Structure formats: structure tokens, C-alpha cells
Amino acid sequence: MSEPVPVLTFDGPSGSGKGTIASRVARTLGWHLLDSGALYRLVALGAARRGMDMADEGALADYAAQMAVDFEILPDSGEVVARLDGEPVGNAIRTEQVGNDASKVAALETVRAALLQRQRDFRQPPGLVADGRDMGTTVFPDAGLKIYLTASAEVRAERRYKQLKEKGISASLAGLLREITERDVRDTERQSSPLKPAADAIVLDTSALDIDQVVEQVLAWCRDRFAVGGQ
């Protein structure tokens, strides 16, 4: 019987660095990448573009089950490109409005159920790096290595503010802090797959660490757990 495809999961709150670190690690290892947060953002964006009611749980679940999405890690820059119906929508899904809508959509149990198997289908050889909020607890409970990234709300708001400014998107630091705090409450208190570390996850606070330091530590854990390369 063949061994299951190895999985590394990253969970944690918004702004903890999951997306950047997951893509860097996936690129280094040569593994596939699942950005589950982007899936919910894609649902929110696609639904908004279609004029759907964000409270219509059934319609949102139906759309989540059939929407055409894919992700690609660009070989030169390492940037992750998300496509909706074949169209790159990277900047469109990173707005605060879409982020807030996605957080609300992600609290709907039928939407989460519709996306569950789609997420598991990303598990392909040689391995998968899965980034989200319930990757280690619900989607891939058998993952070989589970990491829960966190940081203070203030640090996360500052990171988000810098990201948006670099992309030319106006933002208020105070507003971002408020939205991140509110999103934390929604994510941790929702009934379906609430945000929390898996019982066997390694919790890593990134407040005082830069990206290179976190990636280096994660790759060291991967070499120990999966016997893979990646310097």
C-alpha cells in the first residue's frame, strides 16, 4: 500500500504571515499549494460580481461547489496567482471588502461543506502545503506537520497596512486593526470549524520574526519530519 501524499498545514489568524510563508515553503519544496483563504475570497468576489445575496446560504454553497478556480506559483517571483473563470484576480480578492465578505461566507456551514472536497483534491504528489484556518483541524487532520502561526493584532494590522500601501491601495491603520479584531472574533467563535490550533500543531508566534526567519524554521521542521530537501 502506497504512503499518503505528505501534507504541511499552516493555520492562524489574518495577517499572521501564512500566505507569504506557505508560498515560499511550497516553492522551495516543489510542492503544490492550497490557499484556502483565497477560495473563500473567490466565492465572495464571484458572488458579488453576480449580484448574489451574501445571506443566501444555499445559493452561495451552490456557487462554491461549481466555480472555476486555480492557483499558480510563478517560477520567477514566487507570486501566487489566483484565477476565477480563467481571469487573474489577485488584487481584486485582497481588498478589505472582499476579505470581510469572505469571513462572513466562511462562517456558513454549507459553504464550508461545499469546499471541503475541493480542498482535499489539492493533495497531489509530491506533496501539499495547505494554508488556512482549519487545515490541520478539519481539512487535513492526518497532515504530517501542522503549524499554527500567530502574532499580535497590532503587528498583523501593521503588516496588512504595509501590504496595501505597497499595492497602491488606500487604508486606515486604525480601521484595519478594528477589522482584524472583528474578524478574529468571527473566526474563533463560528460554529463550523472555528479557528484554533490543532491539538498536535506547533504554535509559532511571528510577532518578532521576519519572513526569512520563519521560513528557515519551517524548512528545518520539514526536513526533520518529511526527510525532504529545501535549503
C-alpha atoms as a PDB file:
ATOM      1  CA  MET A   1       0.000   0.000   0.000  1.00  0.00           C
ATOM      2  CA  SER A   2       1.451   3.355  -1.039  1.00  0.00           C
ATOM      3  CA  GLU A   3       2.187   6.060   1.512  1.00  0.00           C
ATOM      4  CA  PRO A   4      -0.263   9.008   1.547  1.00  0.00           C
ATOM      5  CA  VAL A   5       0.883  12.232  -0.106  1.00  0.00           C
ATOM      6  CA  PRO A   6       2.608  14.352   2.585  1.00  0.00           C
ATOM      7  CA  VAL A   7       0.829  17.480   3.774  1.00  0.00           C
ATOM      8  CA  LEU A   8       2.096  20.528   5.664  1.00  0.00           C
ATOM      9  CA  THR A   9      -0.641  22.762   7.077  1.00  0.00           C
ATOM     10  CA  PHE A  10      -0.491  26.400   8.107  1.00  0.00           C
ATOM     11  CA  ASP A  11      -3.345  27.791  10.177  1.00  0.00           C
ATOM     12  CA  GLY A  12      -3.730  31.069  12.011  1.00  0.00           C
ATOM     13  CA  PRO A  13      -5.482  34.428  12.065  1.00  0.00           C
ATOM     14  CA  SER A  14      -5.480  37.048   9.320  1.00  0.00           C
ATOM     15  CA  GLY A  15      -2.135  38.826   8.960  1.00  0.00           C
ATOM     16  CA  SER A  16      -0.033  36.158  10.688  1.00  0.00           C
ATOM     17  CA  GLY A  17       2.028  35.640   7.525  1.00  0.00           C
ATOM     18  CA  LYS A  18       0.512  32.317   6.467  1.00  0.00           C
ATOM     19  CA  GLY A  19       0.131  33.124   2.780  1.00  0.00           C
ATOM     20  CA  THR A  20       3.610  34.501   2.192  1.00  0.00           C
ATOM     21  CA  ILE A  21       5.318  31.787   4.213  1.00  0.00           C
ATOM     22  CA  ALA A  22       3.245  28.953   2.730  1.00  0.00           C
ATOM     23  CA  SER A  23       4.036  30.026  -0.838  1.00  0.00           C
ATOM     24  CA  ARG A  24       7.753  30.380  -0.050  1.00  0.00           C
ATOM     25  CA  VAL A  25       7.882  26.944   1.547  1.00  0.00           C
ATOM     26  CA  ALA A  26       5.849  25.310  -1.254  1.00  0.00           C
ATOM     27  CA  ARG A  27       8.103  26.838  -3.888  1.00  0.00           C
ATOM     28  CA  THR A  28      11.261  25.701  -2.071  1.00  0.00           C
ATOM     29  CA  LEU A  29       9.986  22.148  -1.613  1.00  0.00           C
ATOM     30  CA  GLY A  30       8.465  21.941  -5.094  1.00  0.00           C
ATOM     31  CA  TRP A  31       5.092  21.029  -3.565  1.00  0.00           C
ATOM     32  CA  HIS A  32       1.585  22.068  -4.546  1.00  0.00           C
ATOM     33  CA  LEU A  33      -0.079  24.973  -2.735  1.00  0.00           C
ATOM     34  CA  LEU A  34      -3.616  25.381  -1.412  1.00  0.00           C
ATOM     35  CA  ASP A  35      -4.598  28.889  -0.351  1.00  0.00           C
ATOM     36  CA  SER A  36      -7.928  28.064   1.265  1.00  0.00           C
ATOM     37  CA  GLY A  37      -8.500  31.665   2.338  1.00  0.00           C
ATOM     38  CA  ALA A  38      -8.349  32.642  -1.322  1.00  0.00           C
ATOM     39  CA  LEU A  39     -11.056  30.076  -2.067  1.00  0.00           C
ATOM     40  CA  TYR A  40     -13.438  31.856   0.298  1.00  0.00           C
ATOM     41  CA  ARG A  41     -12.376  35.218  -1.109  1.00  0.00           C
ATOM     42  CA  LEU A  42     -13.068  33.880  -4.596  1.00  0.00           C
ATOM     43  CA  VAL A  43     -16.541  32.799  -3.500  1.00  0.00           C
ATOM     44  CA  ALA A  44     -17.169  36.265  -2.074  1.00  0.00           C
ATOM     45  CA  LEU A  45     -15.822  38.048  -5.169  1.00  0.00           C
ATOM     46  CA  GLY A  46     -17.664  35.836  -7.632  1.00  0.00           C
ATOM     47  CA  ALA A  47     -20.905  36.136  -5.684  1.00  0.00           C
ATOM     48  CA  ALA A  48     -20.589  39.932  -5.504  1.00  0.00           C
ATOM     49  CA  ARG A  49     -19.912  40.156  -9.231  1.00  0.00           C
ATOM     50  CA  ARG A  50     -23.058  38.134  -9.850  1.00  0.00           C
ATOM     51  CA  GLY A  51     -25.120  40.318  -7.536  1.00  0.00           C
ATOM     52  CA  MET A  52     -25.812  37.454  -5.163  1.00  0.00           C
ATOM     53  CA  ASP A  53     -27.136  37.952  -1.643  1.00  0.00           C
ATOM     54  CA  MET A  54     -24.345  37.239   0.867  1.00  0.00           C
ATOM     55  CA  ALA A  55     -27.012  35.896   3.232  1.00  0.00           C
ATOM     56  CA  ASP A  56     -28.344  33.350   0.699  1.00  0.00           C
ATOM     57  CA  GLU A  57     -26.535  30.327   2.082  1.00  0.00           C
ATOM     58  CA  GLY A  58     -27.910  27.833  -0.419  1.00  0.00           C
ATOM     59  CA  ALA A  59     -27.010  29.905  -3.484  1.00  0.00           C
ATOM     60  CA  LEU A  60     -23.529  30.627  -2.120  1.00  0.00           C
ATOM     61  CA  ALA A  61     -22.920  26.932  -1.448  1.00  0.00           C
ATOM     62  CA  ASP A  62     -24.038  26.018  -4.977  1.00  0.00           C
ATOM     63  CA  TYR A  63     -21.704  28.632  -6.429  1.00  0.00           C
ATOM     64  CA  ALA A  64     -18.801  27.476  -4.223  1.00  0.00           C
ATOM     65  CA  ALA A  65     -19.232  23.924  -5.499  1.00  0.00           C
ATOM     66  CA  GLN A  66     -19.084  24.825  -9.196  1.00  0.00           C
ATOM     67  CA  MET A  67     -16.931  27.968  -9.557  1.00  0.00           C
ATOM     68  CA  ALA A  68     -13.872  27.577 -11.818  1.00  0.00           C
ATOM     69  CA  VAL A  69     -10.685  28.390  -9.866  1.00  0.00           C
ATOM     70  CA  ASP A  70      -6.993  27.544  -9.973  1.00  0.00           C
ATOM     71  CA  PHE A  71      -3.719  28.697  -8.410  1.00  0.00           C
ATOM     72  CA  GLU A  72      -0.255  29.033  -9.930  1.00  0.00           C
ATOM     73  CA  ILE A  73       3.087  29.859  -8.304  1.00  0.00           C
ATOM     74  CA  LEU A  74       5.059  31.993 -10.771  1.00  0.00           C
ATOM     75  CA  PRO A  75       8.540  30.440 -11.135  1.00  0.00           C
ATOM     76  CA  ASP A  76      10.452  33.732 -11.231  1.00  0.00           C
ATOM     77  CA  SER A  77       8.819  35.776  -8.481  1.00  0.00           C
ATOM     78  CA  GLY A  78       7.194  33.044  -6.411  1.00  0.00           C
ATOM     79  CA  GLU A  79       3.957  35.057  -6.511  1.00  0.00           C
ATOM     80  CA  VAL A  80       0.740  33.054  -6.215  1.00  0.00           C
ATOM     81  CA  VAL A  81      -1.755  33.878  -8.955  1.00  0.00           C
ATOM     82  CA  ALA A  82      -5.409  33.057  -8.272  1.00  0.00           C
ATOM     83  CA  ARG A  83      -7.732  32.746 -11.259  1.00  0.00           C
ATOM     84  CA  LEU A  84     -11.519  32.891 -11.304  1.00  0.00           C
ATOM     85  CA  ASP A  85     -13.097  31.650 -14.537  1.00  0.00           C
ATOM     86  CA  GLY A  86      -9.635  31.866 -16.104  1.00  0.00           C
ATOM     87  CA  GLU A  87      -9.114  35.521 -15.103  1.00  0.00           C
ATOM     88  CA  PRO A  88      -6.288  36.518 -12.721  1.00  0.00           C
ATOM     89  CA  VAL A  89      -7.969  38.218  -9.740  1.00  0.00           C
ATOM     90  CA  GLY A  90      -5.073  38.605  -7.289  1.00  0.00           C
ATOM     91  CA  ASN A  91      -5.617  42.241  -6.339  1.00  0.00           C
ATOM     92  CA  ALA A  92      -9.413  42.020  -6.532  1.00  0.00           C
ATOM     93  CA  ILE A  93      -9.621  39.312  -3.851  1.00  0.00           C
ATOM     94  CA  ARG A  94      -7.236  41.169  -1.500  1.00  0.00           C
ATOM     95  CA  THR A  95      -9.442  44.199  -0.853  1.00  0.00           C
ATOM     96  CA  GLU A  96     -10.779  44.681   2.663  1.00  0.00           C
ATOM     97  CA  GLN A  97     -14.377  44.482   1.401  1.00  0.00           C
ATOM     98  CA  VAL A  98     -13.811  41.078  -0.161  1.00  0.00           C
ATOM     99  CA  GLY A  99     -11.887  39.971   2.932  1.00  0.00           C
ATOM    100  CA  ASN A 100     -14.767  40.904   5.214  1.00  0.00           C
ATOM    101  CA  ASP A 101     -17.315  39.257   2.899  1.00  0.00           C
ATOM    102  CA  ALA A 102     -15.134  36.136   2.778  1.00  0.00           C
ATOM    103  CA  SER A 103     -15.038  35.951   6.568  1.00  0.00           C
ATOM    104  CA  LYS A 104     -18.839  36.026   6.648  1.00  0.00           C
ATOM    105  CA  VAL A 105     -19.127  33.460   3.856  1.00  0.00           C
ATOM    106  CA  ALA A 106     -16.638  31.189   5.643  1.00  0.00           C
ATOM    107  CA  ALA A 107     -18.924  31.095   8.689  1.00  0.00           C
ATOM    108  CA  LEU A 108     -21.650  29.369   6.623  1.00  0.00           C
ATOM    109  CA  GLU A 109     -21.555  25.626   7.222  1.00  0.00           C
ATOM    110  CA  THR A 110     -22.988  24.666   3.817  1.00  0.00           C
ATOM    111  CA  VAL A 111     -20.349  26.739   2.025  1.00  0.00           C
ATOM    112  CA  ARG A 112     -17.590  25.102   4.060  1.00  0.00           C
ATOM    113  CA  ALA A 113     -19.028  21.685   3.247  1.00  0.00           C
ATOM    114  CA  ALA A 114     -19.161  22.548  -0.464  1.00  0.00           C
ATOM    115  CA  LEU A 115     -15.474  23.490  -0.469  1.00  0.00           C
ATOM    116  CA  LEU A 116     -14.198  20.625   1.709  1.00  0.00           C
ATOM    117  CA  GLN A 117     -13.633  18.027  -1.013  1.00  0.00           C
ATOM    118  CA  ARG A 118     -12.364  20.682  -3.421  1.00  0.00           C
ATOM    119  CA  GLN A 119      -9.660  21.493  -0.889  1.00  0.00           C
ATOM    120  CA  ARG A 120      -8.751  17.848  -0.321  1.00  0.00           C
ATOM    121  CA  ASP A 121      -8.392  17.348  -4.078  1.00  0.00           C
ATOM    122  CA  PHE A 122      -5.328  19.621  -3.976  1.00  0.00           C
ATOM    123  CA  ARG A 123      -3.454  16.778  -2.237  1.00  0.00           C
ATOM    124  CA  GLN A 124      -1.289  15.591  -5.125  1.00  0.00           C
ATOM    125  CA  PRO A 125       2.289  14.220  -5.338  1.00  0.00           C
ATOM    126  CA  PRO A 126       4.941  15.125  -4.425  1.00  0.00           C
ATOM    127  CA  GLY A 127       3.266  16.979  -1.536  1.00  0.00           C
ATOM    128  CA  LEU A 128       0.923  19.782  -0.485  1.00  0.00           C
ATOM    129  CA  VAL A 129       1.330  22.945   1.569  1.00  0.00           C
ATOM    130  CA  ALA A 130      -2.141  23.994   2.772  1.00  0.00           C
ATOM    131  CA  ASP A 131      -2.764  27.484   4.153  1.00  0.00           C
ATOM    132  CA  GLY A 132      -5.927  28.455   6.005  1.00  0.00           C
ATOM    133  CA  ARG A 133      -7.793  28.467   9.283  1.00  0.00           C
ATOM    134  CA  ASP A 134      -8.936  24.864   9.644  1.00  0.00           C
ATOM    135  CA  MET A 135      -6.409  22.977   7.528  1.00  0.00           C
ATOM    136  CA  GLY A 136      -4.934  20.975  10.405  1.00  0.00           C
ATOM    137  CA  THR A 137      -8.159  20.538  12.365  1.00  0.00           C
ATOM    138  CA  THR A 138     -10.759  19.747   9.687  1.00  0.00           C
ATOM    139  CA  VAL A 139      -9.462  19.531   6.123  1.00  0.00           C
ATOM    140  CA  PHE A 140      -6.251  17.536   6.656  1.00  0.00           C
ATOM    141  CA  PRO A 141      -6.387  16.128  10.204  1.00  0.00           C
ATOM    142  CA  ASP A 142      -3.808  13.490   9.203  1.00  0.00           C
ATOM    143  CA  ALA A 143      -1.234  16.037   7.990  1.00  0.00           C
ATOM    144  CA  GLY A 144       2.336  15.079   8.855  1.00  0.00           C
ATOM    145  CA  LEU A 145       3.239  18.563  10.087  1.00  0.00           C
ATOM    146  CA  LYS A 146       0.831  21.202  11.384  1.00  0.00           C
ATOM    147  CA  ILE A 147       1.926  24.744  12.138  1.00  0.00           C
ATOM    148  CA  TYR A 148      -0.221  27.433  13.731  1.00  0.00           C
ATOM    149  CA  LEU A 149       1.134  30.911  13.008  1.00  0.00           C
ATOM    150  CA  THR A 150       0.035  33.827  15.131  1.00  0.00           C
ATOM    151  CA  ALA A 151       1.027  37.402  16.008  1.00  0.00           C
ATOM    152  CA  SER A 152      -0.449  40.280  17.971  1.00  0.00           C
ATOM    153  CA  ALA A 153      -3.399  42.073  16.374  1.00  0.00           C
ATOM    154  CA  GLU A 154      -1.361  45.292  16.258  1.00  0.00           C
ATOM    155  CA  VAL A 155       1.512  43.658  14.374  1.00  0.00           C
ATOM    156  CA  ARG A 156      -0.896  41.986  11.974  1.00  0.00           C
ATOM    157  CA  ALA A 157      -2.667  45.272  11.255  1.00  0.00           C
ATOM    158  CA  GLU A 158       0.669  46.985  10.551  1.00  0.00           C
ATOM    159  CA  ARG A 159       1.684  44.208   8.157  1.00  0.00           C
ATOM    160  CA  ARG A 160      -1.620  44.438   6.320  1.00  0.00           C
ATOM    161  CA  TYR A 161      -1.321  48.217   6.117  1.00  0.00           C
ATOM    162  CA  LYS A 162       2.141  47.961   4.523  1.00  0.00           C
ATOM    163  CA  GLN A 163       0.949  45.328   2.046  1.00  0.00           C
ATOM    164  CA  LEU A 164      -1.944  47.504   0.894  1.00  0.00           C
ATOM    165  CA  LYS A 165       0.189  50.640   0.626  1.00  0.00           C
ATOM    166  CA  GLU A 166       2.745  48.766  -1.494  1.00  0.00           C
ATOM    167  CA  LYS A 167      -0.068  47.807  -3.859  1.00  0.00           C
ATOM    168  CA  GLY A 168      -1.312  51.393  -4.025  1.00  0.00           C
ATOM    169  CA  ILE A 169      -4.469  50.618  -2.053  1.00  0.00           C
ATOM    170  CA  SER A 170      -5.504  53.268   0.473  1.00  0.00           C
ATOM    171  CA  ALA A 171      -6.149  52.046   4.006  1.00  0.00           C
ATOM    172  CA  SER A 172      -6.517  53.232   7.590  1.00  0.00           C
ATOM    173  CA  LEU A 173      -4.315  51.535  10.185  1.00  0.00           C
ATOM    174  CA  ALA A 174      -6.932  52.076  12.891  1.00  0.00           C
ATOM    175  CA  GLY A 175      -9.622  50.713  10.590  1.00  0.00           C
ATOM    176  CA  LEU A 176      -7.531  47.654   9.743  1.00  0.00           C
ATOM    177  CA  LEU A 177      -6.917  46.936  13.420  1.00  0.00           C
ATOM    178  CA  ARG A 178     -10.644  47.131  14.104  1.00  0.00           C
ATOM    179  CA  GLU A 179     -11.473  44.862  11.148  1.00  0.00           C
ATOM    180  CA  ILE A 180      -8.811  42.300  12.095  1.00  0.00           C
ATOM    181  CA  THR A 181     -10.096  42.205  15.671  1.00  0.00           C
ATOM    182  CA  GLU A 182     -13.673  41.738  14.465  1.00  0.00           C
ATOM    183  CA  ARG A 183     -12.562  39.034  12.016  1.00  0.00           C
ATOM    184  CA  ASP A 184     -10.721  37.222  14.804  1.00  0.00           C
ATOM    185  CA  VAL A 185     -13.933  37.105  16.816  1.00  0.00           C
ATOM    186  CA  ARG A 186     -15.943  35.770  13.854  1.00  0.00           C
ATOM    187  CA  ASP A 187     -13.319  33.152  13.003  1.00  0.00           C
ATOM    188  CA  THR A 188     -12.799  31.867  16.537  1.00  0.00           C
ATOM    189  CA  GLU A 189     -16.470  31.882  17.564  1.00  0.00           C
ATOM    190  CA  ARG A 190     -18.126  30.455  14.440  1.00  0.00           C
ATOM    191  CA  GLN A 191     -19.895  27.125  14.950  1.00  0.00           C
ATOM    192  CA  SER A 192     -18.388  25.403  11.903  1.00  0.00           C
ATOM    193  CA  SER A 193     -14.619  24.722  12.089  1.00  0.00           C
ATOM    194  CA  PRO A 194     -13.681  27.594  14.436  1.00  0.00           C
ATOM    195  CA  LEU A 195     -10.138  28.944  14.246  1.00  0.00           C
ATOM    196  CA  LYS A 196      -7.924  27.194  16.786  1.00  0.00           C
ATOM    197  CA  PRO A 197      -4.629  25.286  16.810  1.00  0.00           C
ATOM    198  CA  ALA A 198      -4.871  21.541  16.183  1.00  0.00           C
ATOM    199  CA  ALA A 199      -4.008  19.539  19.282  1.00  0.00           C
ATOM    200  CA  ASP A 200      -0.791  18.346  17.606  1.00  0.00           C
ATOM    201  CA  ALA A 201       0.146  21.655  15.946  1.00  0.00           C
ATOM    202  CA  ILE A 202       3.350  23.608  16.573  1.00  0.00           C
ATOM    203  CA  VAL A 203       2.367  27.151  17.601  1.00  0.00           C
ATOM    204  CA  LEU A 204       4.763  29.825  16.321  1.00  0.00           C
ATOM    205  CA  ASP A 205       4.364  33.497  17.263  1.00  0.00           C
ATOM    206  CA  THR A 206       5.772  35.574  14.388  1.00  0.00           C
ATOM    207  CA  SER A 207       5.381  38.995  16.031  1.00  0.00           C
ATOM    208  CA  ALA A 208       9.149  39.471  16.442  1.00  0.00           C
ATOM    209  CA  LEU A 209      10.274  37.345  13.468  1.00  0.00           C
ATOM    210  CA  ASP A 210      10.811  38.275   9.839  1.00  0.00           C
ATOM    211  CA  ILE A 211       9.712  36.115   6.910  1.00  0.00           C
ATOM    212  CA  ASP A 212      13.155  34.609   6.293  1.00  0.00           C
ATOM    213  CA  GLN A 213      13.449  33.507   9.919  1.00  0.00           C
ATOM    214  CA  VAL A 214      10.047  31.824   9.872  1.00  0.00           C
ATOM    215  CA  VAL A 215      10.667  30.108   6.527  1.00  0.00           C
ATOM    216  CA  GLU A 216      14.054  28.832   7.730  1.00  0.00           C
ATOM    217  CA  GLN A 217      12.498  27.381  10.882  1.00  0.00           C
ATOM    218  CA  VAL A 218       9.639  25.747   8.960  1.00  0.00           C
ATOM    219  CA  LEU A 219      12.001  24.181   6.417  1.00  0.00           C
ATOM    220  CA  ALA A 220      14.071  22.768   9.279  1.00  0.00           C
ATOM    221  CA  TRP A 221      10.927  21.142  10.694  1.00  0.00           C
ATOM    222  CA  CYS A 222      10.059  19.819   7.223  1.00  0.00           C
ATOM    223  CA  ARG A 223      13.496  18.259   6.789  1.00  0.00           C
ATOM    224  CA  ASP A 224      13.092  16.576  10.156  1.00  0.00           C
ATOM    225  CA  ARG A 225       9.504  15.418   9.651  1.00  0.00           C
ATOM    226  CA  PHE A 226       9.414  14.590   5.932  1.00  0.00           C
ATOM    227  CA  ALA A 227      13.098  13.969   5.141  1.00  0.00           C
ATOM    228  CA  VAL A 228      12.923  16.475   2.289  1.00  0.00           C
ATOM    229  CA  GLY A 229      15.417  18.991   0.938  1.00  0.00           C
ATOM    230  CA  GLY A 230      14.912  22.734   0.750  1.00  0.00           C
ATOM    231  CA  GLN A 231      17.783  24.928   1.843  1.00  0.00           C
END
